[in-house]
Amino acid sequence: MTAPRTPRPYDAVIIGGGHNGLVAAAYLARAGRSVLVLERLPATGGAAVSTRPFAGVDARLSRYSYLVSLLPPKIVRELDLRFTVRRRAISSYTPVERHERAGGLLVGAGRTRDSFAALTGSDDAHAAWRRFHAMTGRVAERVFPTLTEPLPTREALRARIADDEAWRMLFEEPIGVAIEEHFHDDLVRGVVLTDALIGTFADAHDPSLVQNRCFLYHVIGGGTGDWDVPVGGMGSLTGALADAARSAGAEIATGHEATRIETDGRAAEVTFRTADGEGTIAARYVLVGASPHELAALIGDPAPEPAEGAQLKVNMLLKRLPRLRDRSVDPREAFAGTFHVSEGYGQLAAAYREAAAGRLPSAPPSELYCHSLTDPSILGPDLAARGHHTLTLFGLHTPARLFTADNDTARAALLTATLAELDTHLDEPIADCLALDADGRPCIEAKTPLDLQRDLRLPGGHIFHGDLAFPYATGGTGRWGVETAHANVLLCGAGAVRGGGVSGVPGHNAAMAVLGR
């Protein structure tokens, strides 16, 4: 559509129609502000979309982001969103071979204690697991509600948590220290550590604590740390958000790429281009859902520190779930939660060392889950009736630097090695289970950080737009964590403080910052 021109400035122009931009648009429009969303792509949603990636196949996959934890229920409630999530019956399954016998650790469905006992030979590991997760649960209950409030100071957040040991473990010492203090089994240590590494390239003992920040956001969601399945796929959320924004009066212009922001701190102009040419829109406020790197380029500021993503994203459609070597667990249980592959503590450390040295990990760590076991609505009736299932894989410790010389070759090599690691725990190759598309090709696609940078303009393919920050105020962060050096230009995307993940929190907070003025 052609962006409208009005005789007066919009109250807010929002650059980027991802989920955060749509949250901001809905809140501002519901408050009576005039709002225009400029989206570069042909459709809204950004990384939170459902697509049919395989030719002639009626399966709607959450192509990039795929689980929901950090979305506050208050946003769903306040924006009257027709959107629901479902709990996964199983939290995780981690296969392992010990004493020449295939087994594994199953967490959930009332079988956690027995599974720990079978793995470690005692109840001690399970008791430590319960104590550790009781601690993170208490932190989650106290921290999660603050995400949609003005930023607390470090001291205020510490007082709110009111647990000096938890504060030390999560905010002051590398998370590896706490993991090694609480757990002795290598496999259990690895399962805990993975929450610190999703989308983050770091060692367990990195002194910067970037891994701690990642861990914190992965365990506080919803005040419980649960990661739930979006019914209908992730696109159902962004579809509901677009509907909410439009019904409140916001205008959404797709196929409109913002190319320049000019501001004096009180009024702004946004230049955009379309297939038909260029245009300019006046606004009192500009909210940017794109990354801080994109914002710097748009406004002419110095670029932030380079960002580097570190994940492999693989989508598959299977004609059946694969059989497992561990016959004590049904594949429908194992793949319903997070299926960990090569994610023992020592394996994660080895993969990090190899990648830091410039080599693809020889045993790439990854985790998988099957959306359609919890929510079969993403499959067409015929596929569901024939027992087809989706499978999503997220690989760790694969920084963008490993793909710069030859992305295609490195992608193919990494995918082969990753699937080979998975196959060591299966009773049949995963390739034998892949469905075929209308052209007879296997239904599998892989995305490296450089692919995400190209497709979504994520800087360095970083899914959080850059390293996450602790959710408290530091010098220059501003009252809401969305402020920039320009008074009327705000971040409303994952690069804001308390950004990252599918949360809507930066969109909510940017809207509150505008309405508070």
Protein backbone atom coordinates (compact mmCIF):
# COMPACT_ATOMS: atom_id res chain seq x y z
CA MET A 1 0.00 0.00 0.00
CA THR A 2 1.04 3.62 -0.38
CA ALA A 3 1.83 5.33 2.89
CA PRO A 4 -0.68 8.13 3.48
CA ARG A 5 0.38 11.73 3.71
CA THR A 6 -1.35 13.85 6.31
CA PRO A 7 -1.41 17.63 6.77
CA ARG A 8 -0.01 17.12 10.27
CA PRO A 9 2.67 14.81 11.65
CA TYR A 10 1.80 11.38 12.91
CA ASP A 11 2.11 11.06 16.64
CA ALA A 12 4.33 8.06 16.00
CA VAL A 13 5.94 6.38 13.02
CA ILE A 14 7.09 2.86 13.82
CA ILE A 15 9.86 1.37 11.73
CA GLY A 16 9.44 -2.39 11.52
CA GLY A 17 6.28 -4.47 11.67
CA GLY A 18 7.64 -7.30 13.77
CA HIS A 19 5.84 -8.34 16.92
CA ASN A 20 7.34 -5.56 19.03
CA GLY A 21 6.49 -2.84 16.52
CA LEU A 22 2.92 -4.13 16.35
CA VAL A 23 2.62 -4.17 20.16
CA ALA A 24 3.75 -0.54 20.29
CA ALA A 25 1.36 0.40 17.48
CA ALA A 26 -1.60 -1.26 19.19
CA TYR A 27 -0.96 0.42 22.54
CA LEU A 28 -0.45 3.87 21.04
CA ALA A 29 -3.45 3.64 18.72
CA ARG A 30 -5.68 2.43 21.56
CA ALA A 31 -4.56 5.52 23.48
CA GLY A 32 -5.82 7.72 20.65
CA ARG A 33 -2.48 8.48 18.99
CA SER A 34 -2.09 8.57 15.21
CA VAL A 35 0.28 5.75 14.23
CA LEU A 36 1.90 4.57 11.02
CA VAL A 37 3.92 1.33 10.81
CA LEU A 38 6.46 1.06 7.99
CA GLU A 39 7.42 -2.53 7.18
CA ARG A 40 10.12 -3.36 4.61
CA LEU A 41 8.82 -6.86 3.81
CA PRO A 42 5.57 -7.71 1.99
CA ALA A 43 3.95 -8.83 5.26
CA THR A 44 4.21 -8.05 8.95
CA GLY A 45 5.61 -10.41 11.56
CA GLY A 46 9.38 -10.14 11.18
CA ALA A 47 10.98 -13.22 12.75
CA ALA A 48 7.69 -14.26 14.39
CA VAL A 49 5.94 -15.71 11.35
CA SER A 50 4.36 -18.94 10.19
CA THR A 51 5.19 -19.99 6.64
CA ARG A 52 4.86 -22.95 4.30
CA PRO A 53 8.53 -23.37 3.36
CA PHE A 54 8.15 -26.60 1.40
CA ALA A 55 6.61 -26.52 -2.07
CA GLY A 56 3.10 -27.92 -2.25
CA VAL A 57 3.08 -29.03 1.40
CA ASP A 58 0.33 -27.84 3.74
CA ALA A 59 2.44 -27.39 6.89
CA ARG A 60 2.73 -23.95 8.53
CA LEU A 61 6.02 -23.83 10.41
CA SER A 62 7.15 -21.18 12.86
CA ARG A 63 10.11 -20.55 10.62
CA TYR A 64 12.44 -18.49 12.81
CA SER A 65 11.17 -18.03 16.39
CA TYR A 66 9.03 -20.88 17.62
CA LEU A 67 8.30 -20.96 21.38
CA VAL A 68 6.76 -18.43 23.77
CA SER A 69 7.88 -17.73 27.32
CA LEU A 70 8.55 -14.03 27.78
CA LEU A 71 5.25 -12.65 26.46
CA PRO A 72 3.49 -11.14 29.51
CA PRO A 73 -0.14 -12.22 29.86
CA LYS A 74 -0.99 -8.58 30.58
CA ILE A 75 -0.12 -7.69 26.96
CA VAL A 76 -2.40 -10.43 25.65
CA ARG A 77 -5.13 -9.27 28.02
CA GLU A 78 -4.78 -5.51 27.52
CA LEU A 79 -4.70 -5.76 23.73
CA ASP A 80 -7.57 -8.30 23.64
CA LEU A 81 -5.48 -10.69 21.56
CA ARG A 82 -7.05 -13.88 20.24
CA PHE A 83 -3.96 -15.89 20.93
CA THR A 84 -3.25 -18.89 23.13
CA VAL A 85 -0.36 -21.14 24.05
CA ARG A 86 -0.23 -24.74 25.23
CA ARG A 87 2.04 -26.31 27.79
CA ARG A 88 4.30 -29.10 26.63
CA ALA A 89 3.71 -32.34 28.49
CA ILE A 90 7.46 -33.04 28.59
CA SER A 91 10.04 -30.42 29.50
CA SER A 92 13.06 -32.19 28.03
CA TYR A 93 14.63 -35.48 27.06
CA THR A 94 18.40 -35.96 26.81
CA PRO A 95 19.63 -39.25 25.34
CA VAL A 96 22.91 -40.73 26.51
CA GLU A 97 24.75 -44.02 26.19
CA ARG A 98 26.37 -45.30 29.35
CA HIS A 99 27.74 -48.74 30.15
CA GLU A 100 27.02 -49.75 26.53
CA ARG A 101 23.32 -49.12 27.05
CA ALA A 102 21.14 -46.45 25.46
CA GLY A 103 19.22 -44.40 28.00
CA GLY A 104 18.38 -40.83 28.77
CA LEU A 105 17.10 -38.19 31.16
CA LEU A 106 13.39 -37.44 30.88
CA VAL A 107 12.10 -34.35 32.67
CA GLY A 108 8.34 -34.04 33.05
CA ALA A 109 5.17 -36.14 33.08
CA GLY A 110 5.79 -37.18 36.68
CA ARG A 111 8.81 -39.25 35.69
CA THR A 112 11.64 -36.87 36.49
CA ARG A 113 12.73 -38.40 39.80
CA ASP A 114 12.84 -41.95 38.48
CA SER A 115 14.73 -40.81 35.41
CA PHE A 116 17.37 -39.04 37.51
CA ALA A 117 17.74 -42.13 39.69
CA ALA A 118 18.19 -44.39 36.67
CA LEU A 119 20.79 -42.01 35.19
CA THR A 120 22.86 -41.27 38.31
CA GLY A 121 22.10 -44.15 40.64
CA SER A 122 20.83 -42.00 43.51
CA ASP A 123 18.27 -39.34 44.44
CA ASP A 124 20.94 -36.70 45.11
CA ALA A 125 20.97 -35.26 41.58
CA HIS A 126 17.20 -34.94 41.52
CA ALA A 127 17.19 -33.21 44.90
CA ALA A 128 19.83 -30.75 43.66
CA TRP A 129 17.77 -30.20 40.51
CA ARG A 130 14.70 -29.37 42.59
CA ARG A 131 16.63 -26.97 44.84
CA PHE A 132 18.24 -25.17 41.91
CA HIS A 133 14.99 -24.76 40.01
CA ALA A 134 13.15 -23.68 43.14
CA MET A 135 15.73 -20.88 43.35
CA THR A 136 15.30 -19.83 39.72
CA GLY A 137 11.53 -20.06 40.19
CA ARG A 138 11.62 -17.59 43.08
CA VAL A 139 13.76 -15.22 41.01
CA ALA A 140 11.34 -15.56 38.08
CA GLU A 141 8.34 -14.70 40.23
CA ARG A 142 10.02 -11.50 41.39
CA VAL A 143 11.79 -10.36 38.22
CA PHE A 144 9.28 -11.13 35.47
CA PRO A 145 6.67 -8.55 36.60
CA THR A 146 9.33 -5.81 36.46
CA LEU A 147 9.80 -6.23 32.70
CA THR A 148 6.77 -4.05 31.95
CA GLU A 149 7.55 -1.51 34.66
CA PRO A 150 10.06 1.36 34.57
CA LEU A 151 13.58 -0.01 34.90
CA PRO A 152 14.56 -0.70 38.51
CA THR A 153 18.03 0.17 39.72
CA ARG A 154 20.44 -2.68 40.35
CA GLU A 155 19.99 -2.17 44.08
CA ALA A 156 16.18 -2.15 43.82
CA LEU A 157 16.15 -5.35 41.77
CA ARG A 158 18.48 -7.05 44.25
CA ALA A 159 16.20 -6.01 47.11
CA ARG A 160 13.18 -7.32 45.21
CA ILE A 161 14.83 -10.70 44.67
CA ALA A 162 15.78 -10.75 48.37
CA ASP A 163 18.07 -13.77 48.03
CA ASP A 164 21.80 -13.06 48.28
CA GLU A 165 22.82 -16.54 47.15
CA ALA A 166 20.62 -16.36 44.05
CA TRP A 167 21.94 -12.89 43.30
CA ARG A 168 25.51 -14.12 43.53
CA MET A 169 24.88 -17.12 41.29
CA LEU A 170 22.94 -15.28 38.60
CA PHE A 171 24.21 -11.69 38.64
CA GLU A 172 27.77 -11.72 39.99
CA GLU A 173 29.56 -14.99 39.20
CA PRO A 174 29.73 -16.89 35.91
CA ILE A 175 26.83 -19.35 35.77
CA GLY A 176 29.33 -22.18 35.39
CA VAL A 177 30.30 -21.72 39.04
CA ALA A 178 26.74 -22.32 40.26
CA ILE A 179 26.21 -25.26 37.89
CA GLU A 180 29.38 -26.97 39.09
CA GLU A 181 28.49 -26.27 42.73
CA HIS A 182 25.02 -27.79 42.46
CA PHE A 183 25.45 -30.65 39.99
CA HIS A 184 28.04 -33.40 39.58
CA ASP A 185 26.74 -35.34 36.59
CA ASP A 186 28.11 -34.07 33.27
CA LEU A 187 24.83 -34.63 31.42
CA VAL A 188 22.76 -32.82 34.04
CA ARG A 189 25.22 -29.92 34.06
CA GLY A 190 24.90 -29.62 30.31
CA VAL A 191 21.10 -29.60 30.34
CA VAL A 192 21.15 -26.72 32.82
CA LEU A 193 23.82 -24.79 30.90
CA THR A 194 21.93 -24.83 27.59
CA ASP A 195 19.61 -22.08 28.85
CA ALA A 196 22.67 -19.81 29.01
CA LEU A 197 23.70 -20.50 25.41
CA ILE A 198 20.59 -20.20 23.23
CA GLY A 199 21.59 -17.58 20.67
CA THR A 200 24.65 -16.64 22.74
CA PHE A 201 28.25 -17.64 21.97
CA ALA A 202 29.97 -17.94 25.33
CA ASP A 203 31.77 -20.27 27.70
CA ALA A 204 30.16 -21.23 31.00
CA HIS A 205 32.83 -19.20 32.79
CA ASP A 206 32.91 -16.12 30.53
CA PRO A 207 33.82 -13.20 32.84
CA SER A 208 31.55 -10.81 30.91
CA LEU A 209 28.51 -12.76 32.27
CA VAL A 210 26.82 -12.61 28.86
CA GLN A 211 25.88 -16.25 29.46
CA ASN A 212 24.26 -15.30 32.78
CA ARG A 213 22.12 -12.68 31.10
CA CYS A 214 20.98 -15.21 28.52
CA PHE A 215 20.27 -17.75 31.27
CA LEU A 216 18.21 -15.26 33.25
CA TYR A 217 15.89 -14.46 30.35
CA HIS A 218 15.42 -18.15 29.65
CA VAL A 219 14.30 -19.01 33.19
CA ILE A 220 12.09 -16.04 34.16
CA GLY A 221 9.42 -16.18 31.44
CA GLY A 222 5.89 -15.98 32.75
CA GLY A 223 7.26 -16.08 36.26
CA THR A 224 7.80 -19.82 35.80
CA GLY A 225 10.39 -20.27 33.06
CA ASP A 226 8.03 -22.43 30.99
CA TRP A 227 8.43 -22.38 27.21
CA ASP A 228 5.07 -22.93 25.57
CA VAL A 229 3.78 -23.72 22.09
CA PRO A 230 1.89 -20.97 20.20
CA VAL A 231 -1.36 -22.47 18.93
CA GLY A 232 -1.49 -22.04 15.17
CA GLY A 233 2.20 -21.23 15.01
CA MET A 234 4.05 -18.02 15.78
CA GLY A 235 2.27 -16.24 12.95
CA SER A 236 -0.95 -16.50 14.94
CA LEU A 237 0.52 -14.08 17.47
CA THR A 238 1.68 -11.50 14.95
CA GLY A 239 -1.56 -11.86 13.00
CA ALA A 240 -3.50 -11.11 16.18
CA LEU A 241 -1.24 -8.15 16.92
CA ALA A 242 -1.68 -6.71 13.42
CA ASP A 243 -5.44 -7.06 13.79
CA ALA A 244 -5.32 -5.33 17.19
CA ALA A 245 -3.25 -2.45 15.82
CA ARG A 246 -5.46 -1.93 12.78
CA SER A 247 -8.71 -2.19 14.74
CA ALA A 248 -7.41 0.50 17.10
CA GLY A 249 -6.74 2.81 14.14
CA ALA A 250 -3.05 2.26 13.35
CA GLU A 251 -2.06 2.27 9.68
CA ILE A 252 0.31 -0.43 8.44
CA ALA A 253 2.25 0.06 5.21
CA THR A 254 4.07 -3.07 4.02
CA GLY A 255 6.67 -2.92 1.26
CA HIS A 256 7.89 0.39 2.71
CA GLU A 257 11.56 0.46 3.66
CA ALA A 258 12.71 3.28 5.94
CA THR A 259 15.96 4.74 4.64
CA ARG A 260 16.58 7.83 6.78
CA ILE A 261 15.54 9.47 10.05
CA GLU A 262 16.08 13.18 10.62
CA THR A 263 15.27 14.68 14.00
CA ASP A 264 15.94 17.72 16.15
CA GLY A 265 14.69 15.94 19.25
CA ARG A 266 11.21 17.46 19.00
CA ALA A 267 10.04 16.61 15.49
CA ALA A 268 11.22 14.02 13.01
CA GLU A 269 10.97 13.05 9.36
CA VAL A 270 11.27 9.49 8.10
CA THR A 271 12.23 8.89 4.49
CA PHE A 272 11.13 5.62 2.94
CA ARG A 273 11.23 3.88 -0.40
CA THR A 274 8.83 1.57 -2.17
CA ALA A 275 8.74 -0.14 -5.53
CA ASP A 276 7.22 3.10 -6.85
CA GLY A 277 9.74 5.58 -5.47
CA GLU A 278 10.53 7.54 -2.31
CA GLY A 279 8.49 9.51 0.20
CA THR A 280 8.78 11.33 3.52
CA ILE A 281 6.58 11.18 6.61
CA ALA A 282 6.59 13.64 9.51
CA ALA A 283 6.26 12.39 13.07
CA ARG A 284 6.50 13.58 16.63
CA TYR A 285 8.08 10.27 17.68
CA VAL A 286 9.89 7.55 15.78
CA LEU A 287 9.95 4.06 17.30
CA VAL A 288 12.45 1.66 15.77
CA GLY A 289 11.81 -2.07 15.92
CA ALA A 290 14.93 -2.76 13.89
CA SER A 291 18.29 -3.37 15.54
CA PRO A 292 20.45 -0.65 17.12
CA HIS A 293 22.80 -1.17 14.17
CA GLU A 294 20.00 -0.35 11.72
CA LEU A 295 19.00 2.65 13.81
CA ALA A 296 22.56 4.00 13.75
CA ALA A 297 22.64 3.69 9.96
CA LEU A 298 19.22 5.36 9.59
CA ILE A 299 20.06 8.35 11.77
CA GLY A 300 23.76 8.70 10.96
CA ASP A 301 25.10 7.85 14.42
CA PRO A 302 28.28 5.84 15.05
CA ALA A 303 27.64 2.12 14.71
CA PRO A 304 27.44 0.05 17.91
CA GLU A 305 29.86 -2.78 18.60
CA PRO A 306 29.47 -5.55 16.00
CA ALA A 307 26.98 -8.27 16.90
CA GLU A 308 27.46 -11.95 16.11
CA GLY A 309 24.80 -14.60 16.14
CA ALA A 310 25.75 -18.19 16.90
CA GLN A 311 23.01 -20.60 15.93
CA LEU A 312 21.92 -23.01 13.23
CA LYS A 313 18.16 -23.10 12.60
CA VAL A 314 16.76 -26.18 10.85
CA ASN A 315 13.12 -26.83 9.92
CA MET A 316 11.91 -30.28 8.90
CA LEU A 317 8.70 -32.06 8.02
CA LEU A 318 8.70 -35.76 8.82
CA LYS A 319 6.46 -38.50 7.47
CA ARG A 320 6.88 -40.20 10.86
CA LEU A 321 8.77 -39.64 14.08
CA PRO A 322 12.02 -41.62 14.15
CA ARG A 323 12.50 -44.65 16.38
CA LEU A 324 14.91 -44.16 19.29
CA ARG A 325 17.77 -46.37 20.43
CA ASP A 326 16.47 -45.81 23.96
CA ARG A 327 13.43 -48.10 23.84
CA SER A 328 12.24 -46.99 27.30
CA VAL A 329 10.96 -43.70 25.90
CA ASP A 330 8.27 -43.23 23.26
CA PRO A 331 9.37 -40.81 20.48
CA ARG A 332 6.13 -38.93 21.07
CA GLU A 333 7.40 -38.14 24.56
CA ALA A 334 11.03 -37.55 23.63
CA PHE A 335 10.27 -35.00 20.91
CA ALA A 336 7.35 -33.29 22.67
CA GLY A 337 9.77 -31.37 24.87
CA THR A 338 13.33 -30.22 24.18
CA PHE A 339 15.40 -33.11 22.80
CA HIS A 340 19.05 -32.39 23.65
CA VAL A 341 21.81 -33.69 21.37
CA SER A 342 25.52 -33.56 22.26
CA GLU A 343 24.80 -31.10 25.05
CA GLY A 344 26.70 -32.65 27.93
CA TYR A 345 28.75 -30.12 29.88
CA GLY A 346 32.03 -31.35 28.47
CA GLN A 347 30.60 -31.54 24.95
CA LEU A 348 29.40 -27.93 25.13
CA ALA A 349 32.80 -26.78 26.32
CA ALA A 350 34.56 -28.68 23.53
CA ALA A 351 32.23 -27.27 20.88
CA TYR A 352 32.85 -23.75 22.19
CA ARG A 353 36.64 -24.20 22.07
CA GLU A 354 36.52 -25.49 18.50
CA ALA A 355 34.29 -22.65 17.31
CA ALA A 356 36.38 -20.03 19.14
CA ALA A 357 39.41 -21.43 17.29
CA GLY A 358 37.64 -20.90 13.96
CA ARG A 359 36.41 -24.44 13.29
CA LEU A 360 32.94 -25.88 12.99
CA PRO A 361 32.27 -28.08 16.05
CA SER A 362 33.08 -31.70 15.27
CA ALA A 363 30.12 -32.82 17.41
CA PRO A 364 27.68 -29.91 17.01
CA PRO A 365 25.35 -29.46 20.01
CA SER A 366 21.69 -28.92 19.21
CA GLU A 367 18.17 -29.26 20.54
CA LEU A 368 14.95 -30.21 18.82
CA TYR A 369 11.24 -30.19 19.45
CA CYS A 370 8.09 -31.20 17.62
CA HIS A 371 5.45 -28.45 17.49
CA SER A 372 2.79 -30.66 15.96
CA LEU A 373 2.75 -33.07 18.91
CA THR A 374 1.34 -30.28 21.08
CA ASP A 375 -0.49 -28.33 18.37
CA PRO A 376 -1.49 -30.41 15.32
CA SER A 377 -3.43 -27.47 13.86
CA ILE A 378 -0.34 -26.35 11.92
CA LEU A 379 -0.65 -29.44 9.70
CA GLY A 380 -3.20 -29.86 6.94
CA PRO A 381 -5.78 -32.60 7.67
CA ASP A 382 -4.23 -35.04 5.21
CA LEU A 383 -0.73 -34.67 6.67
CA ALA A 384 -2.05 -35.07 10.21
CA ALA A 385 -4.04 -38.16 9.27
CA ARG A 386 -0.95 -39.77 7.73
CA GLY A 387 1.13 -39.21 10.87
CA HIS A 388 3.35 -36.39 9.61
CA HIS A 389 5.10 -34.12 12.11
CA THR A 390 7.22 -31.00 12.11
CA LEU A 391 10.64 -30.97 13.71
CA THR A 392 12.59 -27.83 14.63
CA LEU A 393 16.30 -27.93 15.42
CA PHE A 394 18.33 -25.15 17.03
CA GLY A 395 22.11 -25.58 16.93
CA LEU A 396 24.52 -23.94 19.39
CA HIS A 397 28.09 -22.63 19.19
CA THR A 398 28.07 -21.80 15.48
CA PRO A 399 29.14 -18.12 15.37
CA ALA A 400 28.73 -16.09 12.19
CA ARG A 401 32.50 -15.90 11.68
CA LEU A 402 32.53 -19.58 10.71
CA PHE A 403 30.40 -18.87 7.63
CA THR A 404 31.95 -15.72 6.18
CA ALA A 405 34.37 -17.48 3.81
CA ASP A 406 31.75 -19.71 2.15
CA ASN A 407 28.31 -19.72 3.74
CA ASP A 408 26.85 -22.42 1.47
CA THR A 409 29.69 -24.88 2.00
CA ALA A 410 29.85 -24.31 5.75
CA ARG A 411 26.06 -24.63 6.07
CA ALA A 412 26.05 -27.96 4.25
CA ALA A 413 28.96 -29.31 6.32
CA LEU A 414 27.39 -28.20 9.60
CA LEU A 415 23.98 -29.63 8.71
CA THR A 416 25.53 -32.99 7.82
CA ALA A 417 27.48 -33.12 11.09
CA THR A 418 24.48 -31.99 13.16
CA LEU A 419 22.16 -34.64 11.71
CA ALA A 420 24.88 -37.26 12.16
CA GLU A 421 24.99 -36.43 15.89
CA LEU A 422 21.23 -36.80 16.08
CA ASP A 423 21.40 -40.13 14.25
CA THR A 424 23.65 -41.60 16.96
CA HIS A 425 20.58 -41.61 19.23
CA LEU A 426 18.11 -42.92 16.65
CA ASP A 427 17.33 -46.42 15.51
CA GLU A 428 16.98 -45.17 11.94
CA PRO A 429 18.52 -42.20 10.09
CA ILE A 430 16.52 -39.00 10.33
CA ALA A 431 16.90 -38.65 6.55
CA ASP A 432 14.72 -41.77 6.11
CA CYS A 433 11.90 -40.02 8.00
CA LEU A 434 11.83 -36.79 5.98
CA ALA A 435 8.72 -36.11 3.93
CA LEU A 436 9.08 -35.00 0.31
CA ASP A 437 7.76 -31.79 -1.19
CA ALA A 438 5.76 -31.48 -4.42
CA ASP A 439 9.00 -31.61 -6.43
CA GLY A 440 10.27 -34.74 -4.69
CA ARG A 441 12.82 -32.93 -2.52
CA PRO A 442 13.31 -33.71 1.19
CA CYS A 443 11.45 -31.27 3.43
CA ILE A 444 14.38 -29.72 5.26
CA GLU A 445 15.85 -26.22 5.33
CA ALA A 446 18.77 -24.77 7.31
CA LYS A 447 19.56 -21.17 8.23
CA THR A 448 22.97 -19.92 9.42
CA PRO A 449 23.55 -16.56 11.12
CA LEU A 450 24.44 -15.08 7.74
CA ASP A 451 21.16 -16.35 6.28
CA LEU A 452 19.27 -14.64 9.12
CA GLN A 453 21.22 -11.46 8.53
CA ARG A 454 20.25 -11.55 4.86
CA ASP A 455 16.61 -12.53 5.36
CA LEU A 456 15.73 -10.48 8.44
CA ARG A 457 18.56 -7.95 8.77
CA LEU A 458 19.54 -9.34 12.14
CA PRO A 459 23.04 -7.89 12.73
CA GLY A 460 25.51 -10.74 12.36
CA GLY A 461 22.48 -13.05 12.49
CA HIS A 462 22.10 -12.28 16.21
CA ILE A 463 18.57 -13.28 17.23
CA PHE A 464 18.60 -10.76 20.11
CA HIS A 465 20.01 -7.90 17.95
CA GLY A 466 23.07 -8.03 20.22
CA ASP A 467 24.12 -9.24 23.65
CA LEU A 468 21.34 -9.18 26.23
CA ALA A 469 21.49 -6.79 29.19
CA PHE A 470 20.56 -7.40 32.80
CA PRO A 471 17.04 -6.03 33.43
CA TYR A 472 18.07 -3.08 35.56
CA ALA A 473 19.13 0.50 34.90
CA THR A 474 22.73 1.42 34.23
CA GLY A 475 24.20 4.75 33.19
CA GLY A 476 22.35 6.08 30.15
CA THR A 477 19.69 3.37 29.84
CA GLY A 478 16.81 5.75 30.53
CA ARG A 479 13.62 5.22 32.49
CA TRP A 480 12.20 2.45 30.27
CA GLY A 481 15.33 1.04 28.65
CA VAL A 482 14.17 2.11 25.18
CA GLU A 483 15.61 5.61 25.06
CA THR A 484 18.33 6.72 22.62
CA ALA A 485 20.54 9.78 22.32
CA HIS A 486 17.65 11.47 20.47
CA ALA A 487 14.75 12.49 22.70
CA ASN A 488 11.99 11.55 20.27
CA VAL A 489 13.57 8.40 18.79
CA LEU A 490 13.05 5.21 20.78
CA LEU A 491 14.02 1.58 20.34
CA CYS A 492 11.06 -0.80 20.43
CA GLY A 493 12.80 -3.98 19.30
CA ALA A 494 14.95 -6.75 20.73
CA GLY A 495 17.96 -4.45 21.09
CA ALA A 496 16.30 -2.47 23.88
CA VAL A 497 17.10 -3.23 27.51
CA ARG A 498 14.82 -6.18 28.40
CA GLY A 499 14.65 -7.11 24.72
CA GLY A 500 15.27 -10.46 23.06
CA GLY A 501 12.88 -13.32 22.45
CA VAL A 502 9.22 -13.11 21.51
CA SER A 503 7.98 -10.94 24.36
CA GLY A 504 6.42 -7.70 23.16
CA VAL A 505 8.10 -6.11 26.19
CA PRO A 506 10.18 -3.54 24.26
CA GLY A 507 7.10 -2.60 22.21
CA HIS A 508 5.05 -2.14 25.37
CA ASN A 509 7.79 -0.14 27.08
CA ALA A 510 8.38 2.16 24.11
CA ALA A 511 4.67 2.91 23.97
CA MET A 512 4.63 3.63 27.71
CA ALA A 513 7.61 5.96 27.28
CA VAL A 514 5.70 7.95 24.63
CA LEU A 515 2.44 8.02 26.58
CA GLY A 516 4.27 9.10 29.73
CA ARG A 517 5.42 12.24 27.98
